[in-house]
Amino acid sequence: MTNEKNKGANEAAVENSPNAIIVGIHELGEKRLITPDQASVSEKAVRNKDYALVANRALTQGTDPELLNRTVPESVNKVADKLGLTPEQATEAIALAHQRGPGALSVDSSEEWLWLVLAKHSADESKANNDPAKTLADTARKIVAFEQYANQATDPMGDAKAFRGEMLEKVQPTGMAPLGANVPLYESDLGFYAAYRTGHAIAAVKSTDGLVFYGTDGSIDLEKAGIKVDKVLSPTFGIVFPE
């Protein structure tokens, strides 16, 4: 998904300076809401050269594969290496999935296994709680958990396959989307992946604030499928705002 759905929260996050965010991180540590390791990795994320993007994500929506790659690329590269991918190939795959959706990754490829491992350590954007302190704490925990995983993982492909099986069983559509023909509607970000891997070329995900995101697996554009969105993010991805 995109930061569009939390526009107001994101704009507020951008206004916070890195130093102000770091003060907040230290306060979370003093209250023992996060561990010293989690505080350290959070501060590292805030000091990232792409501060606004990373801070927005960490404060309003939590982790996703791209944030993990920007914040702890060394850990991502450890997993990628075990899957036979170079750092450049890993970054390219993560960017492709972020821009066009996970359906753009080849089935049963090393790129897909990497994305699944990262997705397992990501937050569900569709359930964002609009509580920056809680989201930041959750983000810190997930990033540290991923770092620990990357150091210990011996079979990331097996872990990815297991997660895929669990996800496809757990993530089920709640109904049909109002636009398009036979488009499954989900309440989880992972709905896009679940739909594409169960034979649906188009899927929709409804967020807690009423936005409906439409995406395709790349085999067809939304316009050609007769789906008119309010905001086009790409030919295969867009948003319909609540009335």
C-alpha atoms as a PDB file:
ATOM      1  CA  MET A   1       0.000   0.000   0.000  1.00  0.00           C
ATOM      2  CA  THR A   2       0.994   3.606   0.193  1.00  0.00           C
ATOM      3  CA  ASN A   3       1.300   6.344   2.765  1.00  0.00           C
ATOM      4  CA  GLU A   4      -1.722   8.010   1.126  1.00  0.00           C
ATOM      5  CA  LYS A   5      -4.091   6.315   3.517  1.00  0.00           C
ATOM      6  CA  ASN A   6      -2.425   7.918   6.526  1.00  0.00           C
ATOM      7  CA  LYS A   7      -1.789  11.269   4.899  1.00  0.00           C
ATOM      8  CA  GLY A   8      -2.656  13.370   7.923  1.00  0.00           C
ATOM      9  CA  ALA A   9      -0.584  11.264  10.282  1.00  0.00           C
ATOM     10  CA  ASN A  10       2.304  11.192   7.856  1.00  0.00           C
ATOM     11  CA  GLU A  11       2.341  14.952   7.404  1.00  0.00           C
ATOM     12  CA  ALA A  12       2.547  15.313  11.158  1.00  0.00           C
ATOM     13  CA  ALA A  13       5.385  12.809  11.277  1.00  0.00           C
ATOM     14  CA  VAL A  14       7.368  14.733   8.665  1.00  0.00           C
ATOM     15  CA  GLU A  15       7.145  17.861  10.809  1.00  0.00           C
ATOM     16  CA  ASN A  16       8.940  16.082  13.645  1.00  0.00           C
ATOM     17  CA  SER A  17      12.688  16.575  13.495  1.00  0.00           C
ATOM     18  CA  PRO A  18      14.984  13.560  13.810  1.00  0.00           C
ATOM     19  CA  ASN A  19      16.088  14.818  17.220  1.00  0.00           C
ATOM     20  CA  ALA A  20      12.489  15.062  18.419  1.00  0.00           C
ATOM     21  CA  ILE A  21      11.818  11.507  17.290  1.00  0.00           C
ATOM     22  CA  ILE A  22      14.978  10.303  19.035  1.00  0.00           C
ATOM     23  CA  VAL A  23      13.796  11.928  22.270  1.00  0.00           C
ATOM     24  CA  GLY A  24      10.577   9.959  21.877  1.00  0.00           C
ATOM     25  CA  ILE A  25      12.560   6.759  21.365  1.00  0.00           C
ATOM     26  CA  HIS A  26      14.521   7.385  24.558  1.00  0.00           C
ATOM     27  CA  GLU A  27      11.263   7.993  26.444  1.00  0.00           C
ATOM     28  CA  LEU A  28       9.938   4.650  25.224  1.00  0.00           C
ATOM     29  CA  GLY A  29      13.136   3.061  26.505  1.00  0.00           C
ATOM     30  CA  GLU A  30      12.870   4.759  29.893  1.00  0.00           C
ATOM     31  CA  LYS A  31       9.311   3.463  30.216  1.00  0.00           C
ATOM     32  CA  ARG A  32      10.633   0.004  29.294  1.00  0.00           C
ATOM     33  CA  LEU A  33       8.280  -0.194  26.337  1.00  0.00           C
ATOM     34  CA  ILE A  34      11.237  -1.147  24.154  1.00  0.00           C
ATOM     35  CA  THR A  35      14.613  -2.715  24.919  1.00  0.00           C
ATOM     36  CA  PRO A  36      17.987  -0.971  24.488  1.00  0.00           C
ATOM     37  CA  ASP A  37      18.570  -2.950  21.275  1.00  0.00           C
ATOM     38  CA  GLN A  38      15.189  -1.878  19.943  1.00  0.00           C
ATOM     39  CA  ALA A  39      15.867   1.737  20.871  1.00  0.00           C
ATOM     40  CA  SER A  40      19.204   1.561  19.072  1.00  0.00           C
ATOM     41  CA  VAL A  41      17.759   0.209  15.837  1.00  0.00           C
ATOM     42  CA  SER A  42      14.929   2.772  15.969  1.00  0.00           C
ATOM     43  CA  GLU A  43      17.432   5.594  16.304  1.00  0.00           C
ATOM     44  CA  LYS A  44      19.373   4.134  13.387  1.00  0.00           C
ATOM     45  CA  ALA A  45      16.213   4.207  11.268  1.00  0.00           C
ATOM     46  CA  VAL A  46      15.540   7.834  12.155  1.00  0.00           C
ATOM     47  CA  ARG A  47      19.091   8.812  11.208  1.00  0.00           C
ATOM     48  CA  ASN A  48      18.644   7.165   7.799  1.00  0.00           C
ATOM     49  CA  LYS A  49      19.417   9.535   4.902  1.00  0.00           C
ATOM     50  CA  ASP A  50      15.838   9.028   3.685  1.00  0.00           C
ATOM     51  CA  TYR A  51      14.602  10.280   7.048  1.00  0.00           C
ATOM     52  CA  ALA A  52      11.121  11.463   6.058  1.00  0.00           C
ATOM     53  CA  LEU A  53      10.200   8.224   4.305  1.00  0.00           C
ATOM     54  CA  VAL A  54      11.612   5.972   7.011  1.00  0.00           C
ATOM     55  CA  ALA A  55      10.262   8.030   9.906  1.00  0.00           C
ATOM     56  CA  ASN A  56       6.792   8.183   8.378  1.00  0.00           C
ATOM     57  CA  ARG A  57       6.754   4.463   7.906  1.00  0.00           C
ATOM     58  CA  ALA A  58       8.143   3.674  11.354  1.00  0.00           C
ATOM     59  CA  LEU A  59       5.748   6.053  13.102  1.00  0.00           C
ATOM     60  CA  THR A  60       2.503   5.440  11.246  1.00  0.00           C
ATOM     61  CA  GLN A  61       2.521   2.011   9.661  1.00  0.00           C
ATOM     62  CA  GLY A  62       5.326  -0.144  10.990  1.00  0.00           C
ATOM     63  CA  THR A  63       7.703  -2.407   9.125  1.00  0.00           C
ATOM     64  CA  ASP A  64       7.496  -3.579   5.549  1.00  0.00           C
ATOM     65  CA  PRO A  65      10.106  -5.267   3.300  1.00  0.00           C
ATOM     66  CA  GLU A  66      11.347  -1.946   1.929  1.00  0.00           C
ATOM     67  CA  LEU A  67      11.761  -0.404   5.384  1.00  0.00           C
ATOM     68  CA  LEU A  68      13.708  -3.454   6.540  1.00  0.00           C
ATOM     69  CA  ASN A  69      16.000  -3.135   3.529  1.00  0.00           C
ATOM     70  CA  ARG A  70      16.578   0.563   4.175  1.00  0.00           C
ATOM     71  CA  THR A  71      17.118   0.172   7.924  1.00  0.00           C
ATOM     72  CA  VAL A  72      19.013  -3.107   8.273  1.00  0.00           C
ATOM     73  CA  PRO A  73      20.311  -3.895   4.763  1.00  0.00           C
ATOM     74  CA  GLU A  74      23.123  -6.014   6.194  1.00  0.00           C
ATOM     75  CA  SER A  75      20.568  -8.395   7.702  1.00  0.00           C
ATOM     76  CA  VAL A  76      18.519  -8.465   4.508  1.00  0.00           C
ATOM     77  CA  ASN A  77      21.670  -9.279   2.548  1.00  0.00           C
ATOM     78  CA  LYS A  78      22.487 -12.167   4.888  1.00  0.00           C
ATOM     79  CA  VAL A  79      19.146 -13.777   4.072  1.00  0.00           C
ATOM     80  CA  ALA A  80      19.452 -12.898   0.384  1.00  0.00           C
ATOM     81  CA  ASP A  81      22.889 -14.516   0.218  1.00  0.00           C
ATOM     82  CA  LYS A  82      21.495 -17.750   1.638  1.00  0.00           C
ATOM     83  CA  LEU A  83      18.932 -17.651  -1.166  1.00  0.00           C
ATOM     84  CA  GLY A  84      21.587 -17.090  -3.823  1.00  0.00           C
ATOM     85  CA  LEU A  85      20.840 -13.405  -4.385  1.00  0.00           C
ATOM     86  CA  THR A  86      23.294 -10.529  -4.524  1.00  0.00           C
ATOM     87  CA  PRO A  87      22.538  -7.334  -2.569  1.00  0.00           C
ATOM     88  CA  GLU A  88      21.662  -5.641  -5.857  1.00  0.00           C
ATOM     89  CA  GLN A  89      19.241  -8.411  -6.839  1.00  0.00           C
ATOM     90  CA  ALA A  90      17.650  -8.302  -3.396  1.00  0.00           C
ATOM     91  CA  THR A  91      17.128  -4.539  -3.520  1.00  0.00           C
ATOM     92  CA  GLU A  92      15.712  -4.767  -7.041  1.00  0.00           C
ATOM     93  CA  ALA A  93      13.240  -7.489  -6.029  1.00  0.00           C
ATOM     94  CA  ILE A  94      12.103  -5.607  -2.927  1.00  0.00           C
ATOM     95  CA  ALA A  95      11.618  -2.407  -4.932  1.00  0.00           C
ATOM     96  CA  LEU A  96       9.687  -4.268  -7.635  1.00  0.00           C
ATOM     97  CA  ALA A  97       7.333  -5.836  -5.102  1.00  0.00           C
ATOM     98  CA  HIS A  98       6.874  -2.468  -3.389  1.00  0.00           C
ATOM     99  CA  GLN A  99       6.076  -0.620  -6.612  1.00  0.00           C
ATOM    100  CA  ARG A 100       4.033  -3.233  -8.462  1.00  0.00           C
ATOM    101  CA  GLY A 101       3.011  -5.649  -5.742  1.00  0.00           C
ATOM    102  CA  PRO A 102       4.282  -9.138  -4.881  1.00  0.00           C
ATOM    103  CA  GLY A 103       2.557 -10.543  -7.949  1.00  0.00           C
ATOM    104  CA  ALA A 104       5.419  -9.091  -9.974  1.00  0.00           C
ATOM    105  CA  LEU A 105       7.811 -11.649  -8.474  1.00  0.00           C
ATOM    106  CA  SER A 106       8.167 -15.010 -10.193  1.00  0.00           C
ATOM    107  CA  VAL A 107       6.529 -17.911  -8.375  1.00  0.00           C
ATOM    108  CA  ASP A 108       8.930 -20.069  -6.350  1.00  0.00           C
ATOM    109  CA  SER A 109      11.864 -17.787  -7.145  1.00  0.00           C
ATOM    110  CA  SER A 110      14.584 -16.721  -4.732  1.00  0.00           C
ATOM    111  CA  GLU A 111      13.135 -13.216  -4.981  1.00  0.00           C
ATOM    112  CA  GLU A 112       9.743 -14.479  -3.831  1.00  0.00           C
ATOM    113  CA  TRP A 113      11.269 -16.414  -0.936  1.00  0.00           C
ATOM    114  CA  LEU A 114      13.120 -13.285   0.184  1.00  0.00           C
ATOM    115  CA  TRP A 115       9.965 -11.178   0.014  1.00  0.00           C
ATOM    116  CA  LEU A 116       8.038 -13.758   2.034  1.00  0.00           C
ATOM    117  CA  VAL A 117      10.686 -13.834   4.759  1.00  0.00           C
ATOM    118  CA  LEU A 118      10.590 -10.034   4.961  1.00  0.00           C
ATOM    119  CA  ALA A 119       6.787  -9.992   4.883  1.00  0.00           C
ATOM    120  CA  LYS A 120       6.755 -12.372   7.832  1.00  0.00           C
ATOM    121  CA  HIS A 121       8.635  -9.730   9.806  1.00  0.00           C
ATOM    122  CA  SER A 122       6.418  -6.865   8.635  1.00  0.00           C
ATOM    123  CA  ALA A 123       3.364  -5.154  10.075  1.00  0.00           C
ATOM    124  CA  ASP A 124      -0.051  -5.284   8.417  1.00  0.00           C
ATOM    125  CA  GLU A 125      -0.537  -1.753   7.056  1.00  0.00           C
ATOM    126  CA  SER A 126      -4.282  -2.200   6.722  1.00  0.00           C
ATOM    127  CA  LYS A 127      -4.506  -2.430  10.511  1.00  0.00           C
ATOM    128  CA  ALA A 128      -2.442   0.677  11.303  1.00  0.00           C
ATOM    129  CA  ASN A 129      -3.466   2.024  14.713  1.00  0.00           C
ATOM    130  CA  ASN A 130      -2.567   5.720  14.244  1.00  0.00           C
ATOM    131  CA  ASP A 131      -0.622   5.613  17.524  1.00  0.00           C
ATOM    132  CA  PRO A 132       2.943   6.724  16.666  1.00  0.00           C
ATOM    133  CA  ALA A 133       4.462   5.648  19.993  1.00  0.00           C
ATOM    134  CA  LYS A 134       2.965   2.156  19.820  1.00  0.00           C
ATOM    135  CA  THR A 135       3.768   1.772  16.133  1.00  0.00           C
ATOM    136  CA  LEU A 136       7.362   2.881  16.685  1.00  0.00           C
ATOM    137  CA  ALA A 137       7.751   0.408  19.535  1.00  0.00           C
ATOM    138  CA  ASP A 138       6.266  -2.383  17.403  1.00  0.00           C
ATOM    139  CA  THR A 139       8.548  -1.394  14.526  1.00  0.00           C
ATOM    140  CA  ALA A 140      11.605  -1.573  16.762  1.00  0.00           C
ATOM    141  CA  ARG A 141      10.634  -5.017  18.035  1.00  0.00           C
ATOM    142  CA  LYS A 142      10.065  -6.380  14.553  1.00  0.00           C
ATOM    143  CA  ILE A 143      13.325  -5.000  13.174  1.00  0.00           C
ATOM    144  CA  VAL A 144      15.340  -6.466  16.040  1.00  0.00           C
ATOM    145  CA  ALA A 145      13.510  -9.786  15.673  1.00  0.00           C
ATOM    146  CA  PHE A 146      14.413  -9.796  11.978  1.00  0.00           C
ATOM    147  CA  GLU A 147      18.070  -9.049  12.748  1.00  0.00           C
ATOM    148  CA  GLN A 148      18.125 -11.994  15.132  1.00  0.00           C
ATOM    149  CA  TYR A 149      16.447 -14.184  12.528  1.00  0.00           C
ATOM    150  CA  ALA A 150      18.943 -13.178   9.829  1.00  0.00           C
ATOM    151  CA  ASN A 151      21.853 -14.138  12.080  1.00  0.00           C
ATOM    152  CA  GLN A 152      20.394 -17.548  12.902  1.00  0.00           C
ATOM    153  CA  ALA A 153      18.441 -18.595   9.800  1.00  0.00           C
ATOM    154  CA  THR A 154      19.622 -21.816   8.189  1.00  0.00           C
ATOM    155  CA  ASP A 155      16.768 -22.476   5.768  1.00  0.00           C
ATOM    156  CA  PRO A 156      15.074 -19.229   4.689  1.00  0.00           C
ATOM    157  CA  MET A 157      13.453 -20.945   1.704  1.00  0.00           C
ATOM    158  CA  GLY A 158      11.842 -23.491   4.002  1.00  0.00           C
ATOM    159  CA  ASP A 159      10.735 -20.709   6.340  1.00  0.00           C
ATOM    160  CA  ALA A 160       9.274 -18.786   3.394  1.00  0.00           C
ATOM    161  CA  LYS A 161       7.367 -21.821   2.138  1.00  0.00           C
ATOM    162  CA  ALA A 162       5.966 -22.466   5.613  1.00  0.00           C
ATOM    163  CA  PHE A 163       4.878 -18.837   5.966  1.00  0.00           C
ATOM    164  CA  ARG A 164       3.264 -18.914   2.529  1.00  0.00           C
ATOM    165  CA  GLY A 165       1.256 -21.982   3.461  1.00  0.00           C
ATOM    166  CA  GLU A 166       0.111 -20.439   6.734  1.00  0.00           C
ATOM    167  CA  MET A 167      -0.739 -17.165   5.027  1.00  0.00           C
ATOM    168  CA  LEU A 168      -2.741 -18.678   2.180  1.00  0.00           C
ATOM    169  CA  GLU A 169      -4.755 -20.659   4.709  1.00  0.00           C
ATOM    170  CA  LYS A 170      -5.280 -17.767   7.099  1.00  0.00           C
ATOM    171  CA  VAL A 171      -5.771 -14.801   4.756  1.00  0.00           C
ATOM    172  CA  GLN A 172      -9.203 -15.221   3.201  1.00  0.00           C
ATOM    173  CA  PRO A 173     -11.434 -12.699   1.395  1.00  0.00           C
ATOM    174  CA  THR A 174     -14.250 -11.144   3.390  1.00  0.00           C
ATOM    175  CA  GLY A 175     -16.417 -10.688   0.308  1.00  0.00           C
ATOM    176  CA  MET A 176     -16.285  -9.238  -3.179  1.00  0.00           C
ATOM    177  CA  ALA A 177     -15.067  -5.743  -4.042  1.00  0.00           C
ATOM    178  CA  PRO A 178     -17.637  -3.235  -5.357  1.00  0.00           C
ATOM    179  CA  LEU A 179     -15.629  -2.586  -8.533  1.00  0.00           C
ATOM    180  CA  GLY A 180     -14.676  -5.132 -11.160  1.00  0.00           C
ATOM    181  CA  ALA A 181     -15.947  -8.634 -11.786  1.00  0.00           C
ATOM    182  CA  ASN A 182     -15.308 -11.297  -9.154  1.00  0.00           C
ATOM    183  CA  VAL A 183     -12.608  -9.278  -7.401  1.00  0.00           C
ATOM    184  CA  PRO A 184     -11.958 -10.675  -3.900  1.00  0.00           C
ATOM    185  CA  LEU A 185     -11.907  -8.136  -1.069  1.00  0.00           C
ATOM    186  CA  TYR A 186      -9.540  -8.573   1.865  1.00  0.00           C
ATOM    187  CA  GLU A 187      -8.870  -6.775   5.138  1.00  0.00           C
ATOM    188  CA  SER A 188      -5.168  -7.617   5.189  1.00  0.00           C
ATOM    189  CA  ASP A 189      -2.285  -6.302   3.097  1.00  0.00           C
ATOM    190  CA  LEU A 190      -1.316  -9.888   2.463  1.00  0.00           C
ATOM    191  CA  GLY A 191      -4.597 -10.259   0.588  1.00  0.00           C
ATOM    192  CA  PHE A 192      -2.919  -9.121  -2.615  1.00  0.00           C
ATOM    193  CA  TYR A 193      -0.340 -11.876  -2.407  1.00  0.00           C
ATOM    194  CA  ALA A 194      -2.938 -14.457  -1.329  1.00  0.00           C
ATOM    195  CA  ALA A 195      -5.198 -13.529  -4.238  1.00  0.00           C
ATOM    196  CA  TYR A 196      -2.476 -13.612  -6.867  1.00  0.00           C
ATOM    197  CA  ARG A 197      -1.186 -16.960  -5.681  1.00  0.00           C
ATOM    198  CA  THR A 198      -4.667 -18.511  -5.678  1.00  0.00           C
ATOM    199  CA  GLY A 199      -5.474 -17.609  -9.264  1.00  0.00           C
ATOM    200  CA  HIS A 200      -6.935 -14.095  -9.038  1.00  0.00           C
ATOM    201  CA  ALA A 201      -5.411 -11.497 -11.342  1.00  0.00           C
ATOM    202  CA  ILE A 202      -7.065  -8.626  -9.454  1.00  0.00           C
ATOM    203  CA  ALA A 203      -7.663  -8.074  -5.745  1.00  0.00           C
ATOM    204  CA  ALA A 204      -8.746  -5.339  -3.362  1.00  0.00           C
ATOM    205  CA  VAL A 205      -7.833  -4.551   0.233  1.00  0.00           C
ATOM    206  CA  LYS A 206      -9.914  -2.332   2.517  1.00  0.00           C
ATOM    207  CA  SER A 207      -8.085  -0.441   5.240  1.00  0.00           C
ATOM    208  CA  THR A 208      -9.456   0.475   8.652  1.00  0.00           C
ATOM    209  CA  ASP A 209     -10.046   4.061   7.521  1.00  0.00           C
ATOM    210  CA  GLY A 210     -12.260   3.026   4.607  1.00  0.00           C
ATOM    211  CA  LEU A 211      -9.818   3.310   1.726  1.00  0.00           C
ATOM    212  CA  VAL A 212     -10.023   0.485  -0.807  1.00  0.00           C
ATOM    213  CA  PHE A 213      -6.815  -0.397  -2.637  1.00  0.00           C
ATOM    214  CA  TYR A 214      -7.073  -2.206  -5.974  1.00  0.00           C
ATOM    215  CA  GLY A 215      -4.136  -4.053  -7.475  1.00  0.00           C
ATOM    216  CA  THR A 216      -3.391  -6.546 -10.220  1.00  0.00           C
ATOM    217  CA  ASP A 217      -0.741  -9.210 -10.683  1.00  0.00           C
ATOM    218  CA  GLY A 218       0.618  -7.306 -13.671  1.00  0.00           C
ATOM    219  CA  SER A 219      -1.174  -9.337 -16.317  1.00  0.00           C
ATOM    220  CA  ILE A 220      -3.809  -6.628 -16.789  1.00  0.00           C
ATOM    221  CA  ASP A 221      -4.169  -2.915 -16.073  1.00  0.00           C
ATOM    222  CA  LEU A 222      -6.939  -1.656 -13.807  1.00  0.00           C
ATOM    223  CA  GLU A 223      -8.346   0.524 -16.580  1.00  0.00           C
ATOM    224  CA  LYS A 224      -8.595  -2.395 -18.995  1.00  0.00           C
ATOM    225  CA  ALA A 225     -10.333  -4.385 -16.264  1.00  0.00           C
ATOM    226  CA  GLY A 226     -12.976  -1.660 -16.014  1.00  0.00           C
ATOM    227  CA  ILE A 227     -11.886  -0.511 -12.562  1.00  0.00           C
ATOM    228  CA  LYS A 228     -11.865   3.264 -12.171  1.00  0.00           C
ATOM    229  CA  VAL A 229     -10.025   4.386  -9.055  1.00  0.00           C
ATOM    230  CA  ASP A 230      -9.926   7.837  -7.468  1.00  0.00           C
ATOM    231  CA  LYS A 231      -6.136   7.950  -7.351  1.00  0.00           C
ATOM    232  CA  VAL A 232      -3.964   6.076  -9.839  1.00  0.00           C
ATOM    233  CA  LEU A 233      -0.624   5.074  -8.334  1.00  0.00           C
ATOM    234  CA  SER A 234       0.396   2.954 -11.315  1.00  0.00           C
ATOM    235  CA  PRO A 235      -1.468   1.252 -14.173  1.00  0.00           C
ATOM    236  CA  THR A 236      -1.871  -1.774 -11.905  1.00  0.00           C
ATOM    237  CA  PHE A 237      -2.484  -0.120  -8.526  1.00  0.00           C
ATOM    238  CA  GLY A 238      -4.848   2.552  -7.228  1.00  0.00           C
ATOM    239  CA  ILE A 239      -7.072   3.797  -4.423  1.00  0.00           C
ATOM    240  CA  VAL A 240     -10.799   4.404  -4.047  1.00  0.00           C
ATOM    241  CA  PHE A 241     -11.602   6.886  -1.279  1.00  0.00           C
ATOM    242  CA  PRO A 242     -14.604   6.450   1.038  1.00  0.00           C
ATOM    243  CA  GLU A 243     -17.689   8.451   0.124  1.00  0.00           C
END
